[in-house]
N, C-alpha and C. Protein backbone atom coordinates (compact mmCIF):
# COMPACT_ATOMS: atom_id res chain seq x y z
N UNK A 1 -39.65 29.59 -3.47
CA UNK A 1 -39.48 28.34 -2.76
C UNK A 1 -38.68 27.35 -3.62
N UNK A 2 -37.79 26.63 -3.00
CA UNK A 2 -36.95 25.65 -3.69
C UNK A 2 -37.62 24.29 -3.61
N UNK A 3 -37.90 23.70 -4.78
CA UNK A 3 -38.52 22.38 -4.81
C UNK A 3 -37.48 21.30 -4.57
N UNK A 4 -37.90 20.26 -3.89
CA UNK A 4 -37.03 19.13 -3.65
C UNK A 4 -37.76 17.86 -4.03
N UNK A 5 -37.00 16.85 -4.39
CA UNK A 5 -37.54 15.55 -4.73
C UNK A 5 -37.42 14.60 -3.55
N UNK A 6 -36.32 13.87 -3.49
CA UNK A 6 -36.09 12.90 -2.42
C UNK A 6 -36.00 13.61 -1.06
N UNK A 7 -36.36 12.90 0.03
CA UNK A 7 -36.21 13.49 1.37
C UNK A 7 -34.74 13.80 1.66
N UNK A 8 -34.52 14.92 2.32
CA UNK A 8 -33.16 15.38 2.57
C UNK A 8 -32.32 14.38 3.37
N UNK A 9 -32.92 13.72 4.34
CA UNK A 9 -32.14 12.76 5.14
C UNK A 9 -31.61 11.62 4.28
N UNK A 10 -32.27 11.34 3.18
CA UNK A 10 -31.83 10.30 2.25
C UNK A 10 -30.64 10.79 1.42
N UNK A 11 -30.66 12.07 1.06
CA UNK A 11 -29.62 12.62 0.20
C UNK A 11 -28.36 13.06 0.95
N UNK A 12 -28.51 13.38 2.22
CA UNK A 12 -27.41 13.98 2.98
C UNK A 12 -26.09 13.22 2.89
N UNK A 13 -26.06 11.90 3.05
CA UNK A 13 -24.76 11.21 2.95
C UNK A 13 -24.13 11.31 1.56
N UNK A 14 -24.96 11.34 0.53
CA UNK A 14 -24.45 11.45 -0.84
C UNK A 14 -23.96 12.86 -1.14
N UNK A 15 -24.63 13.85 -0.57
CA UNK A 15 -24.17 15.23 -0.70
C UNK A 15 -22.80 15.36 -0.03
N UNK A 16 -22.68 14.75 1.15
CA UNK A 16 -21.46 14.85 1.96
C UNK A 16 -20.24 14.29 1.25
N UNK A 17 -20.43 13.29 0.40
CA UNK A 17 -19.29 12.71 -0.32
C UNK A 17 -18.58 13.76 -1.16
N UNK A 18 -19.33 14.74 -1.65
CA UNK A 18 -18.71 15.80 -2.45
C UNK A 18 -18.36 17.03 -1.62
N UNK A 19 -19.22 17.42 -0.71
CA UNK A 19 -18.92 18.63 0.06
C UNK A 19 -17.70 18.45 0.95
N UNK A 20 -17.45 17.26 1.45
CA UNK A 20 -16.29 17.08 2.32
C UNK A 20 -14.97 17.15 1.55
N UNK A 21 -15.02 17.07 0.22
CA UNK A 21 -13.78 17.23 -0.57
C UNK A 21 -13.74 18.60 -1.25
N UNK A 22 -14.62 19.51 -0.80
CA UNK A 22 -14.51 20.90 -1.24
C UNK A 22 -15.56 21.40 -2.20
N UNK A 23 -16.57 20.61 -2.51
CA UNK A 23 -17.62 21.07 -3.42
C UNK A 23 -18.61 21.97 -2.70
N UNK A 24 -19.00 23.03 -3.37
CA UNK A 24 -20.02 23.95 -2.89
C UNK A 24 -21.37 23.49 -3.46
N UNK A 25 -22.38 23.40 -2.61
CA UNK A 25 -23.70 23.02 -3.10
C UNK A 25 -24.40 24.24 -3.69
N UNK A 26 -24.93 24.03 -4.88
CA UNK A 26 -25.70 25.07 -5.56
C UNK A 26 -27.17 24.63 -5.49
N UNK A 27 -27.90 25.20 -4.54
CA UNK A 27 -29.24 24.70 -4.28
C UNK A 27 -30.34 25.58 -4.84
N UNK A 28 -29.95 26.60 -5.64
CA UNK A 28 -30.93 27.46 -6.29
C UNK A 28 -30.41 27.84 -7.67
N UNK A 29 -31.31 28.22 -8.58
CA UNK A 29 -30.85 28.67 -9.90
C UNK A 29 -29.90 29.86 -9.83
N UNK A 30 -30.14 30.76 -8.89
CA UNK A 30 -29.29 31.94 -8.75
C UNK A 30 -27.86 31.55 -8.36
N UNK A 31 -27.73 30.57 -7.49
CA UNK A 31 -26.39 30.10 -7.10
C UNK A 31 -25.69 29.44 -8.29
N UNK A 32 -26.44 28.73 -9.12
CA UNK A 32 -25.85 28.12 -10.33
C UNK A 32 -25.33 29.22 -11.25
N UNK A 33 -26.15 30.23 -11.51
CA UNK A 33 -25.73 31.33 -12.39
C UNK A 33 -24.46 31.99 -11.87
N UNK A 34 -24.41 32.24 -10.58
CA UNK A 34 -23.23 32.88 -9.99
C UNK A 34 -21.99 32.00 -10.14
N UNK A 35 -22.15 30.71 -9.92
CA UNK A 35 -21.01 29.78 -10.02
C UNK A 35 -20.49 29.70 -11.45
N UNK A 36 -21.38 29.61 -12.40
CA UNK A 36 -20.99 29.48 -13.81
C UNK A 36 -20.24 30.72 -14.28
N UNK A 37 -20.60 31.86 -13.76
CA UNK A 37 -20.02 33.11 -14.24
C UNK A 37 -18.78 33.56 -13.48
N UNK A 38 -18.23 32.71 -12.64
CA UNK A 38 -16.99 33.03 -11.95
C UNK A 38 -15.82 33.02 -12.94
N UNK A 39 -14.79 33.71 -12.56
CA UNK A 39 -13.56 33.71 -13.34
C UNK A 39 -12.87 32.35 -13.14
N UNK A 40 -12.27 31.85 -14.19
CA UNK A 40 -11.54 30.59 -14.09
C UNK A 40 -12.39 29.41 -14.53
N UNK A 41 -11.93 28.23 -14.15
CA UNK A 41 -12.59 26.98 -14.53
C UNK A 41 -13.43 26.47 -13.37
N UNK A 42 -14.67 26.10 -13.68
CA UNK A 42 -15.58 25.58 -12.66
C UNK A 42 -16.02 24.18 -13.05
N UNK A 43 -15.87 23.24 -12.12
CA UNK A 43 -16.41 21.90 -12.30
C UNK A 43 -17.76 21.86 -11.61
N UNK A 44 -18.78 21.45 -12.35
CA UNK A 44 -20.10 21.24 -11.76
C UNK A 44 -20.47 19.78 -11.93
N UNK A 45 -20.75 19.13 -10.81
CA UNK A 45 -21.17 17.74 -10.79
C UNK A 45 -22.67 17.69 -10.56
N UNK A 46 -23.38 16.99 -11.43
CA UNK A 46 -24.78 16.68 -11.17
C UNK A 46 -24.76 15.37 -10.40
N UNK A 47 -24.96 15.46 -9.10
CA UNK A 47 -24.94 14.31 -8.21
C UNK A 47 -26.25 13.55 -8.37
N UNK A 48 -26.24 12.28 -7.97
CA UNK A 48 -27.39 11.42 -8.21
C UNK A 48 -27.44 10.30 -7.18
N UNK A 49 -28.63 9.75 -7.00
CA UNK A 49 -28.79 8.61 -6.09
C UNK A 49 -28.50 7.28 -6.77
N UNK A 50 -28.28 7.28 -8.06
CA UNK A 50 -28.10 6.01 -8.78
C UNK A 50 -26.82 5.31 -8.36
N UNK A 51 -26.78 4.03 -8.59
CA UNK A 51 -25.63 3.21 -8.21
C UNK A 51 -24.34 3.61 -8.88
N UNK A 52 -24.40 4.07 -10.13
CA UNK A 52 -23.15 4.45 -10.80
C UNK A 52 -22.56 5.72 -10.20
N UNK A 53 -23.40 6.55 -9.58
CA UNK A 53 -22.87 7.74 -8.91
C UNK A 53 -22.08 7.33 -7.68
N UNK A 54 -22.63 6.38 -6.93
CA UNK A 54 -21.97 5.94 -5.70
C UNK A 54 -20.74 5.09 -5.99
N UNK A 55 -20.86 4.18 -6.94
CA UNK A 55 -19.80 3.23 -7.18
C UNK A 55 -18.70 3.70 -8.09
N UNK A 56 -18.99 4.70 -8.93
CA UNK A 56 -18.01 5.12 -9.92
C UNK A 56 -17.79 6.63 -9.96
N UNK A 57 -18.88 7.39 -10.08
CA UNK A 57 -18.73 8.84 -10.29
C UNK A 57 -18.08 9.54 -9.10
N UNK A 58 -18.71 9.47 -7.92
CA UNK A 58 -18.15 10.20 -6.79
C UNK A 58 -16.75 9.72 -6.42
N UNK A 59 -16.48 8.40 -6.39
CA UNK A 59 -15.10 7.97 -6.12
C UNK A 59 -14.12 8.42 -7.21
N UNK A 60 -14.54 8.40 -8.47
CA UNK A 60 -13.67 8.83 -9.56
C UNK A 60 -13.36 10.31 -9.49
N UNK A 61 -14.37 11.11 -9.14
CA UNK A 61 -14.17 12.55 -8.99
C UNK A 61 -13.19 12.82 -7.86
N UNK A 62 -13.40 12.18 -6.74
CA UNK A 62 -12.50 12.37 -5.59
C UNK A 62 -11.07 12.00 -5.95
N UNK A 63 -10.89 10.90 -6.65
CA UNK A 63 -9.56 10.46 -7.05
C UNK A 63 -8.93 11.47 -8.02
N UNK A 64 -9.71 11.98 -8.95
CA UNK A 64 -9.18 12.95 -9.91
C UNK A 64 -8.69 14.21 -9.23
N UNK A 65 -9.33 14.60 -8.14
CA UNK A 65 -8.97 15.84 -7.47
C UNK A 65 -7.85 15.69 -6.45
N UNK A 66 -7.47 14.45 -6.16
CA UNK A 66 -6.40 14.20 -5.17
C UNK A 66 -5.02 14.55 -5.70
N UNK A 67 -4.83 14.44 -6.98
CA UNK A 67 -3.50 14.70 -7.52
C UNK A 67 -3.58 15.47 -8.82
N UNK A 68 -2.56 16.22 -9.09
CA UNK A 68 -2.52 16.96 -10.33
C UNK A 68 -3.28 18.27 -10.26
N UNK A 69 -3.76 18.70 -11.39
CA UNK A 69 -4.46 19.97 -11.50
C UNK A 69 -5.85 19.90 -10.87
N UNK A 70 -6.33 21.07 -10.45
CA UNK A 70 -7.68 21.20 -9.91
C UNK A 70 -8.36 22.39 -10.58
N UNK A 71 -9.67 22.28 -10.80
CA UNK A 71 -10.38 23.46 -11.29
C UNK A 71 -10.32 24.57 -10.24
N UNK A 72 -10.57 25.79 -10.67
CA UNK A 72 -10.58 26.91 -9.74
C UNK A 72 -11.73 26.81 -8.75
N UNK A 73 -12.85 26.25 -9.21
CA UNK A 73 -14.06 26.17 -8.38
C UNK A 73 -14.70 24.79 -8.53
N UNK A 74 -15.24 24.28 -7.43
CA UNK A 74 -15.94 23.00 -7.41
C UNK A 74 -17.37 23.24 -6.92
N UNK A 75 -18.34 22.77 -7.68
CA UNK A 75 -19.73 22.98 -7.32
C UNK A 75 -20.56 21.76 -7.69
N UNK A 76 -21.71 21.62 -7.04
CA UNK A 76 -22.57 20.48 -7.30
C UNK A 76 -24.04 20.84 -7.14
N UNK A 77 -24.86 20.19 -7.95
CA UNK A 77 -26.31 20.20 -7.80
C UNK A 77 -26.74 18.76 -7.64
N UNK A 78 -27.91 18.55 -7.06
CA UNK A 78 -28.37 17.18 -6.83
C UNK A 78 -29.64 16.91 -7.61
N UNK A 79 -29.52 16.06 -8.65
CA UNK A 79 -30.70 15.65 -9.41
C UNK A 79 -31.61 14.87 -8.48
N UNK A 80 -32.89 15.17 -8.51
CA UNK A 80 -33.82 14.51 -7.60
C UNK A 80 -33.84 15.14 -6.23
N UNK A 81 -33.06 16.20 -6.04
CA UNK A 81 -33.00 16.91 -4.77
C UNK A 81 -33.24 18.39 -4.95
N UNK A 82 -32.35 19.03 -5.69
CA UNK A 82 -32.44 20.46 -5.94
C UNK A 82 -32.92 20.65 -7.38
N UNK A 83 -34.23 20.55 -7.56
CA UNK A 83 -34.79 20.43 -8.90
C UNK A 83 -34.54 21.65 -9.78
N UNK A 84 -34.85 22.85 -9.27
CA UNK A 84 -34.66 24.05 -10.09
C UNK A 84 -33.18 24.32 -10.35
N UNK A 85 -32.34 24.09 -9.37
CA UNK A 85 -30.90 24.30 -9.56
C UNK A 85 -30.34 23.34 -10.60
N UNK A 86 -30.78 22.10 -10.54
CA UNK A 86 -30.33 21.11 -11.53
C UNK A 86 -30.79 21.49 -12.93
N UNK A 87 -32.02 21.93 -13.05
CA UNK A 87 -32.53 22.35 -14.36
C UNK A 87 -31.72 23.52 -14.91
N UNK A 88 -31.39 24.48 -14.05
CA UNK A 88 -30.60 25.63 -14.51
C UNK A 88 -29.21 25.17 -14.94
N UNK A 89 -28.58 24.31 -14.16
CA UNK A 89 -27.25 23.82 -14.54
C UNK A 89 -27.30 23.15 -15.90
N UNK A 90 -28.33 22.35 -16.12
CA UNK A 90 -28.44 21.63 -17.39
C UNK A 90 -28.61 22.57 -18.57
N UNK A 91 -29.13 23.76 -18.36
CA UNK A 91 -29.23 24.74 -19.45
C UNK A 91 -27.84 25.14 -19.92
N UNK A 92 -26.88 25.19 -19.02
CA UNK A 92 -25.51 25.53 -19.39
C UNK A 92 -24.80 24.37 -20.08
N UNK A 93 -25.35 23.17 -19.96
CA UNK A 93 -24.71 21.98 -20.52
C UNK A 93 -25.20 21.65 -21.94
N UNK A 94 -26.11 22.44 -22.48
CA UNK A 94 -26.60 22.19 -23.83
C UNK A 94 -25.46 22.26 -24.82
N UNK A 95 -25.42 21.42 -25.83
CA UNK A 95 -26.50 20.61 -26.38
C UNK A 95 -26.63 19.20 -25.78
N UNK A 96 -25.90 18.94 -24.69
CA UNK A 96 -25.98 17.62 -24.07
C UNK A 96 -27.35 17.43 -23.42
N UNK A 97 -27.93 16.24 -23.55
CA UNK A 97 -29.22 15.97 -22.91
C UNK A 97 -29.04 15.81 -21.40
N UNK A 98 -30.12 15.96 -20.63
CA UNK A 98 -30.02 15.74 -19.18
C UNK A 98 -29.41 14.38 -18.87
N UNK A 99 -28.51 14.38 -17.91
CA UNK A 99 -27.79 13.17 -17.56
C UNK A 99 -27.40 13.28 -16.09
N UNK A 100 -27.66 12.22 -15.35
CA UNK A 100 -27.19 12.23 -13.96
C UNK A 100 -26.81 10.82 -13.57
N UNK A 101 -25.62 10.72 -13.01
CA UNK A 101 -24.67 11.79 -12.75
C UNK A 101 -24.00 12.25 -14.03
N UNK A 102 -23.36 13.41 -13.94
CA UNK A 102 -22.49 13.89 -15.01
C UNK A 102 -21.54 14.92 -14.40
N UNK A 103 -20.49 15.20 -15.14
CA UNK A 103 -19.48 16.16 -14.70
C UNK A 103 -19.21 17.12 -15.85
N UNK A 104 -19.32 18.41 -15.55
CA UNK A 104 -19.09 19.44 -16.57
C UNK A 104 -17.96 20.36 -16.11
N UNK A 105 -17.17 20.78 -17.07
CA UNK A 105 -16.19 21.85 -16.83
C UNK A 105 -16.63 23.05 -17.65
N UNK A 106 -16.69 24.19 -16.98
CA UNK A 106 -17.06 25.43 -17.64
C UNK A 106 -15.96 26.44 -17.43
N UNK A 107 -15.73 27.25 -18.44
CA UNK A 107 -14.70 28.28 -18.36
C UNK A 107 -15.28 29.54 -19.00
N UNK A 108 -15.26 30.62 -18.25
CA UNK A 108 -15.84 31.85 -18.76
C UNK A 108 -17.32 31.71 -19.09
N UNK A 109 -18.02 30.89 -18.34
CA UNK A 109 -19.45 30.70 -18.56
C UNK A 109 -19.79 29.75 -19.69
N UNK A 110 -18.80 29.16 -20.32
CA UNK A 110 -19.02 28.28 -21.47
C UNK A 110 -18.60 26.85 -21.14
N UNK A 111 -19.39 25.91 -21.59
CA UNK A 111 -19.07 24.49 -21.41
C UNK A 111 -17.87 24.12 -22.27
N UNK A 112 -16.84 23.54 -21.62
CA UNK A 112 -15.65 23.13 -22.37
C UNK A 112 -15.43 21.62 -22.31
N UNK A 113 -16.12 20.92 -21.39
CA UNK A 113 -15.97 19.46 -21.27
C UNK A 113 -17.20 18.90 -20.57
N UNK A 114 -17.64 17.73 -21.04
CA UNK A 114 -18.78 17.06 -20.41
C UNK A 114 -18.52 15.56 -20.35
N UNK A 115 -18.69 14.99 -19.18
CA UNK A 115 -18.67 13.55 -19.00
C UNK A 115 -20.09 13.15 -18.64
N UNK A 116 -20.73 12.43 -19.56
CA UNK A 116 -22.13 12.04 -19.37
C UNK A 116 -22.24 10.72 -18.61
N UNK A 117 -23.45 10.45 -18.16
CA UNK A 117 -23.74 9.22 -17.43
C UNK A 117 -23.29 7.98 -18.20
N UNK A 118 -23.50 7.96 -19.51
CA UNK A 118 -23.14 6.77 -20.30
C UNK A 118 -21.65 6.48 -20.21
N UNK A 119 -20.83 7.52 -20.10
CA UNK A 119 -19.39 7.33 -19.94
C UNK A 119 -19.05 6.85 -18.54
N UNK A 120 -19.81 7.33 -17.57
CA UNK A 120 -19.60 6.94 -16.18
C UNK A 120 -20.00 5.49 -15.96
N UNK A 121 -21.16 5.12 -16.48
CA UNK A 121 -21.66 3.75 -16.31
C UNK A 121 -20.72 2.71 -16.87
N UNK A 122 -20.04 3.06 -17.95
CA UNK A 122 -19.21 2.07 -18.65
C UNK A 122 -17.74 2.10 -18.24
N UNK A 123 -17.41 2.87 -17.20
CA UNK A 123 -16.00 3.01 -16.81
C UNK A 123 -15.82 2.81 -15.31
N UNK A 124 -14.72 2.17 -14.91
CA UNK A 124 -14.41 2.09 -13.48
C UNK A 124 -13.96 3.46 -12.95
N UNK A 125 -13.97 3.62 -11.65
CA UNK A 125 -13.63 4.90 -11.02
C UNK A 125 -12.25 5.41 -11.42
N UNK A 126 -11.26 4.52 -11.54
CA UNK A 126 -9.92 4.99 -11.89
C UNK A 126 -9.86 5.55 -13.31
N UNK A 127 -10.64 4.99 -14.22
CA UNK A 127 -10.67 5.51 -15.60
C UNK A 127 -11.39 6.86 -15.62
N UNK A 128 -12.47 6.98 -14.85
CA UNK A 128 -13.17 8.26 -14.73
C UNK A 128 -12.19 9.31 -14.20
N UNK A 129 -11.42 8.96 -13.18
CA UNK A 129 -10.44 9.88 -12.60
C UNK A 129 -9.42 10.32 -13.64
N UNK A 130 -8.91 9.37 -14.42
CA UNK A 130 -7.91 9.70 -15.44
C UNK A 130 -8.48 10.65 -16.49
N UNK A 131 -9.70 10.38 -16.95
CA UNK A 131 -10.33 11.23 -17.97
C UNK A 131 -10.59 12.63 -17.42
N UNK A 132 -11.08 12.70 -16.18
CA UNK A 132 -11.33 14.00 -15.58
C UNK A 132 -10.04 14.78 -15.38
N UNK A 133 -9.00 14.12 -14.91
CA UNK A 133 -7.74 14.80 -14.69
C UNK A 133 -7.18 15.33 -16.01
N UNK A 134 -7.30 14.57 -17.08
CA UNK A 134 -6.85 15.05 -18.39
C UNK A 134 -7.64 16.26 -18.83
N UNK A 135 -8.95 16.26 -18.62
CA UNK A 135 -9.79 17.39 -19.00
C UNK A 135 -9.47 18.60 -18.14
N UNK A 136 -9.25 18.40 -16.86
CA UNK A 136 -8.91 19.49 -15.96
C UNK A 136 -7.59 20.13 -16.40
N UNK A 137 -6.59 19.30 -16.69
CA UNK A 137 -5.30 19.83 -17.13
C UNK A 137 -5.44 20.61 -18.43
N UNK A 138 -6.27 20.12 -19.32
CA UNK A 138 -6.45 20.78 -20.62
C UNK A 138 -7.14 22.13 -20.48
N UNK A 139 -8.10 22.24 -19.57
CA UNK A 139 -8.96 23.42 -19.54
C UNK A 139 -8.75 24.35 -18.36
N UNK A 140 -7.90 24.00 -17.42
CA UNK A 140 -7.71 24.88 -16.26
C UNK A 140 -6.80 26.04 -16.61
N UNK A 141 -6.95 27.09 -15.81
CA UNK A 141 -6.22 28.33 -16.05
C UNK A 141 -4.72 28.14 -15.98
């Protein structure tokens, strides 16, 4: 059984902000494992209900993906929603502590870039987009 935190009707609009731009939801630990082990570069976003996710992270991610390079795969887990999936994703993000929202780039199953909540909170969406686009260009196939 998949544990959930917040009621789904509360999370649905926030999930939609990422899925409508091409993100695949990883709602179980098994789906996280499969996504991480794909060939190429995978971006995994730990989505969140916090204000910085809505005001900065999700808009910055969308802007970063509109132009320039794109990772081979886009995936997301929802902190406070998909509890086991989020915990599994965070295992791949070590040594970074749990952070939501956050954005990780993985290549060949290994973490190559991490944008933590502290970076998101202190940056406007356009700066987040610029940093993500630079990381995507650096690490994409």
